[in-house]
């Protein structure tokens, strides 16, 4: 299903953004 793929893509993007935000806060 396309909806599931979009959901996983959003989750992946969200986790990457969260990781980058934590990296910026760590600096």
C-alpha atoms as a PDB file:
ATOM      1  CA  UNK A   1       0.000   0.000   0.000  1.00  0.00           C
ATOM      2  CA  UNK A   2       1.170   3.501  -0.810  1.00  0.00           C
ATOM      3  CA  UNK A   3      -0.130   4.896   2.482  1.00  0.00           C
ATOM      4  CA  UNK A   4       2.169   2.609   4.471  1.00  0.00           C
ATOM      5  CA  UNK A   5       5.188   3.666   2.402  1.00  0.00           C
ATOM      6  CA  UNK A   6       4.386   7.333   2.936  1.00  0.00           C
ATOM      7  CA  UNK A   7       3.985   6.704   6.666  1.00  0.00           C
ATOM      8  CA  UNK A   8       7.367   5.002   6.882  1.00  0.00           C
ATOM      9  CA  UNK A   9       8.966   7.794   4.844  1.00  0.00           C
ATOM     10  CA  UNK A  10       7.542  10.395   7.246  1.00  0.00           C
ATOM     11  CA  UNK A  11       8.764   8.398  10.247  1.00  0.00           C
ATOM     12  CA  UNK A  12      12.236   8.121   8.703  1.00  0.00           C
ATOM     13  CA  UNK A  13      12.388  11.853   7.954  1.00  0.00           C
ATOM     14  CA  UNK A  14      11.154  12.642  11.449  1.00  0.00           C
ATOM     15  CA  UNK A  15      13.821  10.442  13.060  1.00  0.00           C
ATOM     16  CA  UNK A  16      16.550  12.006  10.904  1.00  0.00           C
ATOM     17  CA  UNK A  17      15.415  15.524  11.833  1.00  0.00           C
ATOM     18  CA  UNK A  18      15.288  14.534  15.499  1.00  0.00           C
ATOM     19  CA  UNK A  19      18.807  13.078  15.259  1.00  0.00           C
ATOM     20  CA  UNK A  20      20.150  16.262  13.648  1.00  0.00           C
ATOM     21  CA  UNK A  21      18.426  18.401  16.280  1.00  0.00           C
ATOM     22  CA  UNK A  22      19.999  16.336  19.072  1.00  0.00           C
ATOM     23  CA  UNK A  23      23.390  16.649  17.376  1.00  0.00           C
ATOM     24  CA  UNK A  24      23.004  20.444  17.219  1.00  0.00           C
ATOM     25  CA  UNK A  25      22.016  20.563  20.893  1.00  0.00           C
ATOM     26  CA  UNK A  26      24.983  18.360  21.788  1.00  0.00           C
ATOM     27  CA  UNK A  27      27.487  20.798  20.211  1.00  0.00           C
END
